[in-house]
């Protein structure tokens, strides 16, 4: 009986203190999530451009199907 209690206790501790499995699949990482273009005049000509650096930090292919300005 003592061996059974000890086994249950050891298994319980292993479950409580074990690390959860790392997520698998694609994971997106962006250098900055926002860009402030500042104050723009309505009469100004030209355009404002900014490039976001996006990286796949996961372990499978990352597919970006739609991009919308926010």
N, C-alpha and C. Protein backbone atom coordinates (compact mmCIF):
# COMPACT_ATOMS: atom_id res chain seq x y z
N UNK A 1 0.83 -1.20 0.00
CA UNK A 1 0.00 0.00 0.00
C UNK A 1 0.87 1.26 0.00
N UNK A 2 1.98 1.22 0.76
CA UNK A 2 2.87 2.37 0.80
C UNK A 2 3.48 2.64 -0.58
N UNK A 3 3.81 1.56 -1.27
CA UNK A 3 4.40 1.73 -2.60
C UNK A 3 3.41 2.38 -3.57
N UNK A 4 2.14 2.01 -3.48
CA UNK A 4 1.12 2.59 -4.35
C UNK A 4 0.93 4.07 -4.06
N UNK A 5 0.88 4.43 -2.78
CA UNK A 5 0.73 5.83 -2.40
C UNK A 5 1.94 6.64 -2.88
N UNK A 6 3.13 6.08 -2.71
CA UNK A 6 4.35 6.76 -3.15
C UNK A 6 4.35 6.93 -4.67
N UNK A 7 3.93 5.90 -5.40
CA UNK A 7 3.87 5.98 -6.86
C UNK A 7 2.90 7.06 -7.31
N UNK A 8 1.72 7.13 -6.70
CA UNK A 8 0.73 8.15 -7.04
C UNK A 8 1.28 9.54 -6.71
N UNK A 9 1.95 9.68 -5.59
CA UNK A 9 2.53 10.96 -5.21
C UNK A 9 3.60 11.41 -6.19
N UNK A 10 4.47 10.50 -6.60
CA UNK A 10 5.54 10.83 -7.56
C UNK A 10 4.94 11.21 -8.91
N UNK A 11 3.98 10.44 -9.39
CA UNK A 11 3.34 10.76 -10.67
C UNK A 11 2.59 12.09 -10.61
N UNK A 12 1.95 12.37 -9.50
CA UNK A 12 1.26 13.65 -9.34
C UNK A 12 2.23 14.82 -9.39
N UNK A 13 3.37 14.67 -8.71
CA UNK A 13 4.38 15.73 -8.74
C UNK A 13 4.94 15.93 -10.14
N UNK A 14 5.12 14.84 -10.86
CA UNK A 14 5.63 14.95 -12.23
C UNK A 14 4.65 15.72 -13.11
N UNK A 15 3.38 15.48 -12.94
CA UNK A 15 2.37 16.20 -13.73
C UNK A 15 2.32 17.67 -13.37
N UNK A 16 2.41 17.97 -12.09
CA UNK A 16 2.31 19.36 -11.64
C UNK A 16 3.52 20.18 -12.07
N UNK A 17 4.71 19.62 -11.95
CA UNK A 17 5.93 20.39 -12.20
C UNK A 17 6.51 20.22 -13.60
N UNK A 18 5.91 19.44 -14.44
CA UNK A 18 6.43 19.28 -15.80
C UNK A 18 6.04 20.48 -16.66
N UNK A 19 6.89 20.80 -17.61
CA UNK A 19 6.64 21.91 -18.52
C UNK A 19 5.62 21.49 -19.57
N UNK A 20 4.70 22.39 -19.93
CA UNK A 20 3.79 22.04 -21.02
C UNK A 20 4.56 21.96 -22.34
N UNK A 21 4.06 21.19 -23.25
CA UNK A 21 4.71 21.03 -24.55
C UNK A 21 4.72 22.36 -25.30
N UNK A 22 5.81 22.63 -25.97
CA UNK A 22 5.92 23.86 -26.75
C UNK A 22 4.92 23.80 -27.91
N UNK A 23 4.27 24.93 -28.19
CA UNK A 23 3.32 24.93 -29.31
C UNK A 23 4.03 24.66 -30.63
N UNK A 24 3.36 23.93 -31.49
CA UNK A 24 3.93 23.66 -32.80
C UNK A 24 3.10 24.39 -33.86
N UNK A 25 3.67 24.52 -35.03
CA UNK A 25 2.98 25.22 -36.10
C UNK A 25 3.63 26.56 -36.36
N UNK A 26 3.04 27.33 -37.27
CA UNK A 26 3.60 28.64 -37.58
C UNK A 26 3.36 29.64 -36.45
N UNK A 27 4.32 30.51 -36.23
CA UNK A 27 4.17 31.59 -35.25
C UNK A 27 4.74 32.85 -35.86
N UNK A 28 3.95 33.92 -35.85
CA UNK A 28 4.39 35.17 -36.48
C UNK A 28 5.05 36.07 -35.43
N UNK A 29 6.12 36.71 -35.85
CA UNK A 29 6.84 37.65 -35.00
C UNK A 29 7.04 38.93 -35.82
N UNK A 30 6.67 40.07 -35.24
CA UNK A 30 6.77 41.36 -35.93
C UNK A 30 7.68 42.26 -35.13
N UNK A 31 8.58 43.00 -35.82
CA UNK A 31 9.52 43.86 -35.10
C UNK A 31 8.79 44.97 -34.33
N UNK A 32 7.82 45.61 -34.93
CA UNK A 32 6.97 46.60 -34.26
C UNK A 32 5.55 46.41 -34.76
N UNK A 33 4.58 46.55 -33.87
CA UNK A 33 3.18 46.33 -34.26
C UNK A 33 2.49 47.60 -34.75
N UNK A 34 3.07 48.75 -34.47
CA UNK A 34 2.44 50.02 -34.86
C UNK A 34 3.44 50.92 -35.55
N UNK A 35 2.91 51.83 -36.35
CA UNK A 35 3.72 52.85 -36.99
C UNK A 35 2.95 54.16 -36.95
N UNK A 36 3.57 55.21 -36.42
CA UNK A 36 2.94 56.52 -36.34
C UNK A 36 3.53 57.39 -37.44
N UNK A 37 2.70 57.76 -38.41
CA UNK A 37 3.15 58.58 -39.54
C UNK A 37 3.19 60.06 -39.19
N UNK A 38 2.78 60.41 -37.99
CA UNK A 38 2.79 61.80 -37.58
C UNK A 38 1.59 62.55 -38.13
N UNK A 39 1.67 63.86 -38.16
CA UNK A 39 0.59 64.71 -38.67
C UNK A 39 0.83 64.99 -40.15
N UNK A 40 -0.18 64.72 -40.96
CA UNK A 40 -0.08 64.94 -42.40
C UNK A 40 -1.08 66.00 -42.83
N UNK A 41 -0.67 66.87 -43.73
CA UNK A 41 -1.57 67.90 -44.26
C UNK A 41 -2.36 67.33 -45.42
N UNK A 42 -3.61 67.71 -45.51
CA UNK A 42 -4.48 67.21 -46.58
C UNK A 42 -3.98 67.67 -47.94
N UNK A 43 -3.33 68.82 -48.02
CA UNK A 43 -2.86 69.34 -49.31
C UNK A 43 -1.51 68.77 -49.72
N UNK A 44 -0.90 67.99 -48.86
CA UNK A 44 0.43 67.44 -49.16
C UNK A 44 0.34 66.39 -50.26
N UNK A 45 1.35 66.37 -51.10
CA UNK A 45 1.40 65.35 -52.15
C UNK A 45 2.43 64.30 -51.74
N UNK A 46 2.37 63.18 -52.36
CA UNK A 46 3.32 62.11 -52.04
C UNK A 46 2.65 61.03 -51.22
N UNK A 47 3.45 60.19 -50.65
CA UNK A 47 2.91 59.08 -49.88
C UNK A 47 3.79 58.81 -48.66
N UNK A 48 3.24 58.08 -47.75
CA UNK A 48 3.98 57.66 -46.56
C UNK A 48 4.19 56.15 -46.67
N UNK A 49 5.42 55.72 -46.47
CA UNK A 49 5.73 54.30 -46.57
C UNK A 49 6.41 53.83 -45.29
N UNK A 50 6.15 52.58 -44.95
CA UNK A 50 6.82 51.95 -43.82
C UNK A 50 6.85 50.45 -44.07
N UNK A 51 7.94 49.82 -43.75
CA UNK A 51 8.06 48.37 -43.93
C UNK A 51 8.09 47.70 -42.55
N UNK A 52 7.21 46.74 -42.36
CA UNK A 52 7.20 45.94 -41.14
C UNK A 52 8.01 44.67 -41.42
N UNK A 53 8.88 44.32 -40.50
CA UNK A 53 9.67 43.10 -40.64
C UNK A 53 8.91 41.97 -39.95
N UNK A 54 8.53 40.96 -40.73
CA UNK A 54 7.75 39.84 -40.24
C UNK A 54 8.61 38.58 -40.36
N UNK A 55 8.59 37.78 -39.30
CA UNK A 55 9.40 36.56 -39.29
C UNK A 55 8.57 35.39 -38.76
N UNK A 56 8.76 34.25 -39.35
CA UNK A 56 8.11 33.03 -38.88
C UNK A 56 9.03 32.38 -37.86
N UNK A 57 8.63 32.38 -36.59
CA UNK A 57 9.43 31.77 -35.54
C UNK A 57 8.93 30.38 -35.17
N UNK A 58 7.98 29.86 -35.91
CA UNK A 58 7.43 28.54 -35.66
C UNK A 58 8.21 27.46 -36.39
N UNK A 59 7.62 26.27 -36.38
CA UNK A 59 8.31 25.15 -36.99
C UNK A 59 7.61 24.59 -38.23
N UNK A 60 6.68 25.37 -38.80
CA UNK A 60 6.08 24.99 -40.08
C UNK A 60 5.80 26.27 -40.87
N UNK A 61 5.37 26.11 -42.11
CA UNK A 61 5.21 27.24 -43.03
C UNK A 61 4.14 28.22 -42.53
N UNK A 62 4.45 29.50 -42.61
CA UNK A 62 3.52 30.57 -42.27
C UNK A 62 2.96 31.13 -43.57
N UNK A 63 1.65 31.10 -43.72
CA UNK A 63 1.00 31.59 -44.93
C UNK A 63 0.17 32.82 -44.54
N UNK A 64 0.48 33.96 -45.16
CA UNK A 64 -0.27 35.20 -44.93
C UNK A 64 -1.20 35.36 -46.11
N UNK A 65 -2.50 35.28 -45.85
CA UNK A 65 -3.48 35.30 -46.94
C UNK A 65 -4.14 36.65 -47.14
N UNK A 66 -4.14 37.50 -46.14
CA UNK A 66 -4.83 38.78 -46.25
C UNK A 66 -4.16 39.79 -45.35
N UNK A 67 -3.94 40.99 -45.88
CA UNK A 67 -3.36 42.08 -45.11
C UNK A 67 -4.28 43.29 -45.26
N UNK A 68 -4.65 43.88 -44.14
CA UNK A 68 -5.54 45.05 -44.17
C UNK A 68 -4.93 46.18 -43.34
N UNK A 69 -4.89 47.38 -43.88
CA UNK A 69 -4.42 48.51 -43.07
C UNK A 69 -5.43 48.80 -41.98
N UNK A 70 -4.94 49.18 -40.85
CA UNK A 70 -5.85 49.35 -39.73
C UNK A 70 -5.97 50.71 -39.24
